[in-house]
PDB file of N, CA and C in Angstrom:
ATOM      1  N   MET A   1      18.547 -25.935 -24.102  1.00  0.00           N
ATOM      2  CA  MET A   1      18.800 -26.409 -22.789  1.00  0.00           C
ATOM      3  C   MET A   1      19.324 -25.251 -21.895  1.00  0.00           C
ATOM      4  N   ASP A   2      18.815 -25.081 -20.716  1.00  0.00           N
ATOM      5  CA  ASP A   2      19.252 -23.996 -19.819  1.00  0.00           C
ATOM      6  C   ASP A   2      20.386 -24.423 -19.059  1.00  0.00           C
ATOM      7  N   ASN A   3      21.539 -23.765 -19.204  1.00  0.00           N
ATOM      8  CA  ASN A   3      22.763 -24.091 -18.452  1.00  0.00           C
ATOM      9  C   ASN A   3      23.035 -23.100 -17.352  1.00  0.00           C
ATOM     10  N   THR A   4      21.985 -22.377 -16.891  1.00  0.00           N
ATOM     11  CA  THR A   4      22.150 -21.495 -15.816  1.00  0.00           C
ATOM     12  C   THR A   4      22.628 -22.138 -14.540  1.00  0.00           C
ATOM     13  N   ILE A   5      23.634 -21.509 -13.921  1.00  0.00           N
ATOM     14  CA  ILE A   5      24.108 -22.027 -12.685  1.00  0.00           C
ATOM     15  C   ILE A   5      23.472 -21.221 -11.491  1.00  0.00           C
ATOM     16  N   HIS A   6      22.792 -21.862 -10.657  1.00  0.00           N
ATOM     17  CA  HIS A   6      22.150 -21.133  -9.578  1.00  0.00           C
ATOM     18  C   HIS A   6      23.005 -21.251  -8.284  1.00  0.00           C
ATOM     19  N   HIS A   7      22.936 -20.264  -7.498  1.00  0.00           N
ATOM     20  CA  HIS A   7      23.728 -20.228  -6.221  1.00  0.00           C
ATOM     21  C   HIS A   7      22.706 -20.231  -5.035  1.00  0.00           C
ATOM     22  N   PHE A   8      23.231 -20.561  -3.851  1.00  0.00           N
ATOM     23  CA  PHE A   8      22.402 -20.708  -2.706  1.00  0.00           C
ATOM     24  C   PHE A   8      21.483 -19.452  -2.465  1.00  0.00           C
ATOM     25  N   HIS A   9      22.072 -18.271  -2.662  1.00  0.00           N
ATOM     26  CA  HIS A   9      21.194 -17.103  -2.414  1.00  0.00           C
ATOM     27  C   HIS A   9      20.126 -17.019  -3.527  1.00  0.00           C
ATOM     28  N   ASP A  10      20.344 -17.546  -4.662  1.00  0.00           N
ATOM     29  CA  ASP A  10      19.342 -17.590  -5.707  1.00  0.00           C
ATOM     30  C   ASP A  10      18.070 -18.359  -5.357  1.00  0.00           C
ATOM     31  N   LEU A  11      18.334 -19.459  -4.528  1.00  0.00           N
ATOM     32  CA  LEU A  11      17.188 -20.247  -4.046  1.00  0.00           C
ATOM     33  C   LEU A  11      16.305 -19.424  -3.089  1.00  0.00           C
ATOM     34  N   PHE A  12      16.977 -18.682  -2.267  1.00  0.00           N
ATOM     35  CA  PHE A  12      16.195 -17.815  -1.349  1.00  0.00           C
ATOM     36  C   PHE A  12      15.402 -16.783  -2.079  1.00  0.00           C
ATOM     37  N   ALA A  13      16.069 -16.173  -3.114  1.00  0.00           N
ATOM     38  CA  ALA A  13      15.333 -15.177  -3.972  1.00  0.00           C
ATOM     39  C   ALA A  13      14.136 -15.935  -4.709  1.00  0.00           C
ATOM     40  N   GLN A  14      14.351 -17.076  -5.165  1.00  0.00           N
ATOM     41  CA  GLN A  14      13.308 -17.842  -5.877  1.00  0.00           C
ATOM     42  C   GLN A  14      12.111 -18.132  -4.899  1.00  0.00           C
ATOM     43  N   LEU A  15      12.440 -18.359  -3.619  1.00  0.00           N
ATOM     44  CA  LEU A  15      11.430 -18.599  -2.643  1.00  0.00           C
ATOM     45  C   LEU A  15      10.791 -17.347  -2.112  1.00  0.00           C
ATOM     46  N   GLY A  16      11.238 -16.190  -2.573  1.00  0.00           N
ATOM     47  CA  GLY A  16      10.725 -14.874  -2.198  1.00  0.00           C
ATOM     48  C   GLY A  16      11.128 -14.459  -0.836  1.00  0.00           C
ATOM     49  N   LEU A  17      12.330 -14.968  -0.436  1.00  0.00           N
ATOM     50  CA  LEU A  17      12.868 -14.610   0.888  1.00  0.00           C
ATOM     51  C   LEU A  17      14.052 -13.681   0.657  1.00  0.00           C
ATOM     52  N   PRO A  18      14.360 -12.904   1.746  1.00  0.00           N
ATOM     53  CA  PRO A  18      15.552 -12.015   1.674  1.00  0.00           C
ATOM     54  C   PRO A  18      16.793 -12.936   1.378  1.00  0.00           C
ATOM     55  N   TYR A  19      17.666 -12.514   0.491  1.00  0.00           N
ATOM     56  CA  TYR A  19      18.719 -13.417   0.066  1.00  0.00           C
ATOM     57  C   TYR A  19      20.127 -12.874   0.299  1.00  0.00           C
ATOM     58  N   ASP A  20      20.286 -11.830   1.169  1.00  0.00           N
ATOM     59  CA  ASP A  20      21.625 -11.467   1.524  1.00  0.00           C
ATOM     60  C   ASP A  20      22.154 -12.427   2.582  1.00  0.00           C
ATOM     61  N   ASN A  21      23.427 -12.479   2.767  1.00  0.00           N
ATOM     62  CA  ASN A  21      24.125 -13.454   3.643  1.00  0.00           C
ATOM     63  C   ASN A  21      23.502 -13.473   5.057  1.00  0.00           C
ATOM     64  N   VAL A  22      23.377 -12.243   5.621  1.00  0.00           N
ATOM     65  CA  VAL A  22      22.862 -12.123   6.979  1.00  0.00           C
ATOM     66  C   VAL A  22      21.447 -12.726   7.101  1.00  0.00           C
ATOM     67  N   SER A  23      20.622 -12.318   6.097  1.00  0.00           N
ATOM     68  CA  SER A  23      19.196 -12.850   6.160  1.00  0.00           C
ATOM     69  C   SER A  23      19.179 -14.316   6.020  1.00  0.00           C
ATOM     70  N   ILE A  24      20.002 -14.871   5.196  1.00  0.00           N
ATOM     71  CA  ILE A  24      20.011 -16.407   4.999  1.00  0.00           C
ATOM     72  C   ILE A  24      20.494 -17.055   6.267  1.00  0.00           C
ATOM     73  N   GLU A  25      21.532 -16.515   6.901  1.00  0.00           N
ATOM     74  CA  GLU A  25      21.949 -17.079   8.184  1.00  0.00           C
ATOM     75  C   GLU A  25      20.924 -16.986   9.260  1.00  0.00           C
ATOM     76  N   GLN A  26      20.217 -15.857   9.308  1.00  0.00           N
ATOM     77  CA  GLN A  26      19.127 -15.686  10.302  1.00  0.00           C
ATOM     78  C   GLN A  26      17.998 -16.665  10.004  1.00  0.00           C
ATOM     79  N   PHE A  27      17.634 -16.864   8.775  1.00  0.00           N
ATOM     80  CA  PHE A  27      16.559 -17.788   8.439  1.00  0.00           C
ATOM     81  C   PHE A  27      16.966 -19.183   8.857  1.00  0.00           C
ATOM     82  N   ILE A  28      18.106 -19.595   8.492  1.00  0.00           N
ATOM     83  CA  ILE A  28      18.550 -20.988   8.902  1.00  0.00           C
ATOM     84  C   ILE A  28      18.656 -21.074  10.424  1.00  0.00           C
ATOM     85  N   GLY A  29      19.189 -20.102  11.109  1.00  0.00           N
ATOM     86  CA  GLY A  29      19.306 -20.117  12.547  1.00  0.00           C
ATOM     87  C   GLY A  29      17.962 -20.185  13.233  1.00  0.00           C
ATOM     88  N   SER A  30      16.956 -19.478  12.719  1.00  0.00           N
ATOM     89  CA  SER A  30      15.692 -19.419  13.378  1.00  0.00           C
ATOM     90  C   SER A  30      14.829 -20.654  13.093  1.00  0.00           C
ATOM     91  N   HIS A  31      15.126 -21.425  12.065  1.00  0.00           N
ATOM     92  CA  HIS A  31      14.316 -22.663  11.733  1.00  0.00           C
ATOM     93  C   HIS A  31      15.111 -23.911  11.892  1.00  0.00           C
ATOM     94  N   SER A  32      16.259 -23.909  12.508  1.00  0.00           N
ATOM     95  CA  SER A  32      17.025 -25.092  12.770  1.00  0.00           C
ATOM     96  C   SER A  32      16.976 -25.510  14.227  1.00  0.00           C
ATOM     97  N   PRO A  33      17.106 -26.738  14.528  1.00  0.00           N
ATOM     98  CA  PRO A  33      17.240 -27.857  13.626  1.00  0.00           C
ATOM     99  C   PRO A  33      15.797 -28.395  13.238  1.00  0.00           C
ATOM    100  N   LEU A  34      15.672 -28.699  11.948  1.00  0.00           N
ATOM    101  CA  LEU A  34      14.451 -29.274  11.450  1.00  0.00           C
ATOM    102  C   LEU A  34      14.445 -30.783  11.858  1.00  0.00           C
ATOM    103  N   ALA A  35      13.359 -31.173  12.456  1.00  0.00           N
ATOM    104  CA  ALA A  35      13.227 -32.564  12.926  1.00  0.00           C
ATOM    105  C   ALA A  35      13.511 -33.519  11.818  1.00  0.00           C
ATOM    106  N   PRO A  36      14.196 -34.634  12.099  1.00  0.00           N
ATOM    107  CA  PRO A  36      14.575 -35.645  11.099  1.00  0.00           C
ATOM    108  C   PRO A  36      13.345 -36.204  10.385  1.00  0.00           C
ATOM    109  N   GLU A  37      12.221 -36.300  11.002  1.00  0.00           N
ATOM    110  CA  GLU A  37      11.020 -36.983  10.373  1.00  0.00           C
ATOM    111  C   GLU A  37      10.306 -35.975   9.407  1.00  0.00           C
ATOM    112  N   VAL A  38      10.649 -34.694   9.438  1.00  0.00           N
ATOM    113  CA  VAL A  38       9.931 -33.703   8.669  1.00  0.00           C
ATOM    114  C   VAL A  38      10.718 -33.483   7.343  1.00  0.00           C
ATOM    115  N   LYS A  39      10.028 -33.713   6.260  1.00  0.00           N
ATOM    116  CA  LYS A  39      10.613 -33.540   4.955  1.00  0.00           C
ATOM    117  C   LYS A  39      10.680 -32.042   4.716  1.00  0.00           C
ATOM    118  N   LEU A  40      11.689 -31.542   3.943  1.00  0.00           N
ATOM    119  CA  LEU A  40      11.925 -30.151   3.798  1.00  0.00           C
ATOM    120  C   LEU A  40      10.692 -29.422   3.327  1.00  0.00           C
ATOM    121  N   PRO A  41       9.906 -29.864   2.304  1.00  0.00           N
ATOM    122  CA  PRO A  41       8.746 -29.137   1.762  1.00  0.00           C
ATOM    123  C   PRO A  41       7.611 -29.137   2.795  1.00  0.00           C
ATOM    124  N   GLU A  42       7.657 -30.055   3.744  1.00  0.00           N
ATOM    125  CA  GLU A  42       6.518 -30.139   4.722  1.00  0.00           C
ATOM    126  C   GLU A  42       6.769 -29.333   6.002  1.00  0.00           C
ATOM    127  N   ALA A  43       7.919 -28.598   6.040  1.00  0.00           N
ATOM    128  CA  ALA A  43       8.181 -27.783   7.213  1.00  0.00           C
ATOM    129  C   ALA A  43       7.066 -26.762   7.396  1.00  0.00           C
ATOM    130  N   SER A  44       6.751 -26.430   8.648  1.00  0.00           N
ATOM    131  CA  SER A  44       5.521 -25.551   8.869  1.00  0.00           C
ATOM    132  C   SER A  44       5.787 -24.090   8.438  1.00  0.00           C
ATOM    133  N   PHE A  45       7.075 -23.700   8.301  1.00  0.00           N
ATOM    134  CA  PHE A  45       7.389 -22.313   8.057  1.00  0.00           C
ATOM    135  C   PHE A  45       7.252 -21.939   6.593  1.00  0.00           C
ATOM    136  N   TRP A  46       7.034 -22.863   5.660  1.00  0.00           N
ATOM    137  CA  TRP A  46       6.899 -22.496   4.265  1.00  0.00           C
ATOM    138  C   TRP A  46       5.490 -22.046   3.994  1.00  0.00           C
ATOM    139  N   THR A  47       5.354 -21.174   3.001  1.00  0.00           N
ATOM    140  CA  THR A  47       4.005 -20.909   2.385  1.00  0.00           C
ATOM    141  C   THR A  47       3.656 -22.065   1.553  1.00  0.00           C
ATOM    142  N   SER A  48       2.426 -22.112   1.088  1.00  0.00           N
ATOM    143  CA  SER A  48       2.011 -23.149   0.217  1.00  0.00           C
ATOM    144  C   SER A  48       2.765 -23.103  -1.095  1.00  0.00           C
ATOM    145  N   ALA A  49       3.000 -21.967  -1.619  1.00  0.00           N
ATOM    146  CA  ALA A  49       3.819 -21.768  -2.883  1.00  0.00           C
ATOM    147  C   ALA A  49       5.232 -22.217  -2.715  1.00  0.00           C
ATOM    148  N   GLN A  50       5.832 -21.842  -1.598  1.00  0.00           N
ATOM    149  CA  GLN A  50       7.257 -22.281  -1.353  1.00  0.00           C
ATOM    150  C   GLN A  50       7.336 -23.802  -1.210  1.00  0.00           C
ATOM    151  N   ALA A  51       6.453 -24.385  -0.477  1.00  0.00           N
ATOM    152  CA  ALA A  51       6.407 -25.848  -0.299  1.00  0.00           C
ATOM    153  C   ALA A  51       6.265 -26.531  -1.620  1.00  0.00           C
ATOM    154  N   THR A  52       5.429 -26.050  -2.471  1.00  0.00           N
ATOM    155  CA  THR A  52       5.177 -26.656  -3.826  1.00  0.00           C
ATOM    156  C   THR A  52       6.444 -26.470  -4.638  1.00  0.00           C
ATOM    157  N   PHE A  53       7.079 -25.358  -4.612  1.00  0.00           N
ATOM    158  CA  PHE A  53       8.361 -25.203  -5.372  1.00  0.00           C
ATOM    159  C   PHE A  53       9.382 -26.191  -4.916  1.00  0.00           C
ATOM    160  N   LEU A  54       9.618 -26.324  -3.618  1.00  0.00           N
ATOM    161  CA  LEU A  54      10.584 -27.222  -3.056  1.00  0.00           C
ATOM    162  C   LEU A  54      10.300 -28.663  -3.414  1.00  0.00           C
ATOM    163  N   ARG A  55       9.031 -29.018  -3.239  1.00  0.00           N
ATOM    164  CA  ARG A  55       8.574 -30.388  -3.564  1.00  0.00           C
ATOM    165  C   ARG A  55       8.871 -30.719  -5.054  1.00  0.00           C
ATOM    166  N   GLU A  56       8.457 -29.840  -5.948  1.00  0.00           N
ATOM    167  CA  GLU A  56       8.639 -30.057  -7.374  1.00  0.00           C
ATOM    168  C   GLU A  56      10.159 -30.039  -7.760  1.00  0.00           C
ATOM    169  N   ALA A  57      10.934 -29.219  -7.082  1.00  0.00           N
ATOM    170  CA  ALA A  57      12.346 -29.167  -7.411  1.00  0.00           C
ATOM    171  C   ALA A  57      13.011 -30.546  -7.043  1.00  0.00           C
ATOM    172  N   CYS A  58      12.593 -31.153  -5.946  1.00  0.00           N
ATOM    173  CA  CYS A  58      13.170 -32.423  -5.544  1.00  0.00           C
ATOM    174  C   CYS A  58      12.668 -33.575  -6.384  1.00  0.00           C
ATOM    175  N   VAL A  59      11.393 -33.596  -6.636  1.00  0.00           N
ATOM    176  CA  VAL A  59      10.760 -34.672  -7.313  1.00  0.00           C
ATOM    177  C   VAL A  59      11.220 -34.675  -8.810  1.00  0.00           C
ATOM    178  N   GLN A  60      11.252 -33.521  -9.371  1.00  0.00           N
ATOM    179  CA  GLN A  60      11.643 -33.447 -10.839  1.00  0.00           C
ATOM    180  C   GLN A  60      13.103 -33.417 -11.002  1.00  0.00           C
ATOM    181  N   ASP A  61      13.920 -33.420  -9.949  1.00  0.00           N
ATOM    182  CA  ASP A  61      15.372 -33.307 -10.048  1.00  0.00           C
ATOM    183  C   ASP A  61      15.747 -32.062 -10.908  1.00  0.00           C
ATOM    184  N   ALA A  62      15.078 -30.998 -10.665  1.00  0.00           N
ATOM    185  CA  ALA A  62      15.247 -29.777 -11.398  1.00  0.00           C
ATOM    186  C   ALA A  62      16.561 -29.122 -11.058  1.00  0.00           C
ATOM    187  N   ASP A  63      16.780 -28.008 -11.747  1.00  0.00           N
ATOM    188  CA  ASP A  63      18.041 -27.228 -11.500  1.00  0.00           C
ATOM    189  C   ASP A  63      18.194 -26.892 -10.049  1.00  0.00           C
ATOM    190  N   TRP A  64      17.089 -26.777  -9.410  1.00  0.00           N
ATOM    191  CA  TRP A  64      17.111 -26.324  -7.923  1.00  0.00           C
ATOM    192  C   TRP A  64      17.293 -27.428  -7.010  1.00  0.00           C
ATOM    193  N   ALA A  65      17.267 -28.628  -7.361  1.00  0.00           N
ATOM    194  CA  ALA A  65      17.286 -29.855  -6.458  1.00  0.00           C
ATOM    195  C   ALA A  65      18.537 -29.820  -5.616  1.00  0.00           C
ATOM    196  N   GLY A  66      19.712 -29.618  -6.174  1.00  0.00           N
ATOM    197  CA  GLY A  66      20.931 -29.572  -5.410  1.00  0.00           C
ATOM    198  C   GLY A  66      20.925 -28.479  -4.393  1.00  0.00           C
ATOM    199  N   LEU A  67      20.389 -27.348  -4.671  1.00  0.00           N
ATOM    200  CA  LEU A  67      20.370 -26.260  -3.708  1.00  0.00           C
ATOM    201  C   LEU A  67      19.261 -26.538  -2.592  1.00  0.00           C
ATOM    202  N   ALA A  68      18.220 -27.192  -3.005  1.00  0.00           N
ATOM    203  CA  ALA A  68      17.176 -27.593  -2.073  1.00  0.00           C
ATOM    204  C   ALA A  68      17.845 -28.601  -1.069  1.00  0.00           C
ATOM    205  N   ASP A  69      18.617 -29.494  -1.593  1.00  0.00           N
ATOM    206  CA  ASP A  69      19.398 -30.457  -0.714  1.00  0.00           C
ATOM    207  C   ASP A  69      20.339 -29.747   0.158  1.00  0.00           C
ATOM    208  N   GLN A  70      20.979 -28.749  -0.321  1.00  0.00           N
ATOM    209  CA  GLN A  70      21.886 -27.934   0.496  1.00  0.00           C
ATOM    210  C   GLN A  70      21.109 -27.270   1.659  1.00  0.00           C
ATOM    211  N   LEU A  71      19.994 -26.673   1.335  1.00  0.00           N
ATOM    212  CA  LEU A  71      19.107 -26.091   2.360  1.00  0.00           C
ATOM    213  C   LEU A  71      18.673 -27.044   3.327  1.00  0.00           C
ATOM    214  N   ASN A  72      18.300 -28.244   2.843  1.00  0.00           N
ATOM    215  CA  ASN A  72      17.805 -29.280   3.800  1.00  0.00           C
ATOM    216  C   ASN A  72      18.897 -29.669   4.768  1.00  0.00           C
ATOM    217  N   VAL A  73      20.140 -29.794   4.312  1.00  0.00           N
ATOM    218  CA  VAL A  73      21.249 -30.178   5.181  1.00  0.00           C
ATOM    219  C   VAL A  73      21.520 -29.004   6.209  1.00  0.00           C
ATOM    220  N   ALA A  74      21.481 -27.762   5.751  1.00  0.00           N
ATOM    221  CA  ALA A  74      21.733 -26.627   6.579  1.00  0.00           C
ATOM    222  C   ALA A  74      20.634 -26.554   7.693  1.00  0.00           C
ATOM    223  N   LEU A  75      19.397 -26.859   7.385  1.00  0.00           N
ATOM    224  CA  LEU A  75      18.359 -26.747   8.343  1.00  0.00           C
ATOM    225  C   LEU A  75      18.304 -27.897   9.342  1.00  0.00           C
ATOM    226  N   ARG A  76      19.106 -28.964   9.102  1.00  0.00           N
ATOM    227  CA  ARG A  76      19.158 -30.136   9.974  1.00  0.00           C
ATOM    228  C   ARG A  76      20.211 -29.939  11.026  1.00  0.00           C
ATOM    229  N   LYS A  77      21.207 -29.048  10.798  1.00  0.00           N
ATOM    230  CA  LYS A  77      22.276 -28.851  11.739  1.00  0.00           C
ATOM    231  C   LYS A  77      21.744 -28.171  13.047  1.00  0.00           C
ATOM    232  N   PRO A  78      22.193 -28.664  14.190  1.00  0.00           N
ATOM    233  CA  PRO A  78      21.717 -28.019  15.438  1.00  0.00           C
ATOM    234  C   PRO A  78      22.269 -26.590  15.483  1.00  0.00           C
ATOM    235  N   THR A  79      21.516 -25.682  16.114  1.00  0.00           N
ATOM    236  CA  THR A  79      21.922 -24.323  16.292  1.00  0.00           C
ATOM    237  C   THR A  79      22.743 -24.208  17.478  1.00  0.00           C
ATOM    238  N   HIS A  80      23.687 -23.311  17.511  1.00  0.00           N
ATOM    239  CA  HIS A  80      24.531 -23.107  18.682  1.00  0.00           C
ATOM    240  C   HIS A  80      24.028 -21.893  19.418  1.00  0.00           C
ATOM    241  N   PRO A  81      23.849 -22.061  20.793  1.00  0.00           N
ATOM    242  CA  PRO A  81      23.362 -20.881  21.570  1.00  0.00           C
ATOM    243  C   PRO A  81      24.215 -19.680  21.607  1.00  0.00           C
TER     244      PRO A  81
END
């Protein structure tokens, strides 16, 4: 059994995105707010591979599910001008 603890920046690395704090904030800021009717894996800014990873993480309740939920919440918050 894998007991690895993943952190938020690890999710960005897994998605092939820059994962330093500034890059994460910029990504969330530039893609927020995600419309309520759009499911996280269906957002237009993901590549096919990223969308598949997020979909499988949520469906399979994988190690990444909690972090995908955290990203989902972060992307739903309105951005401040």
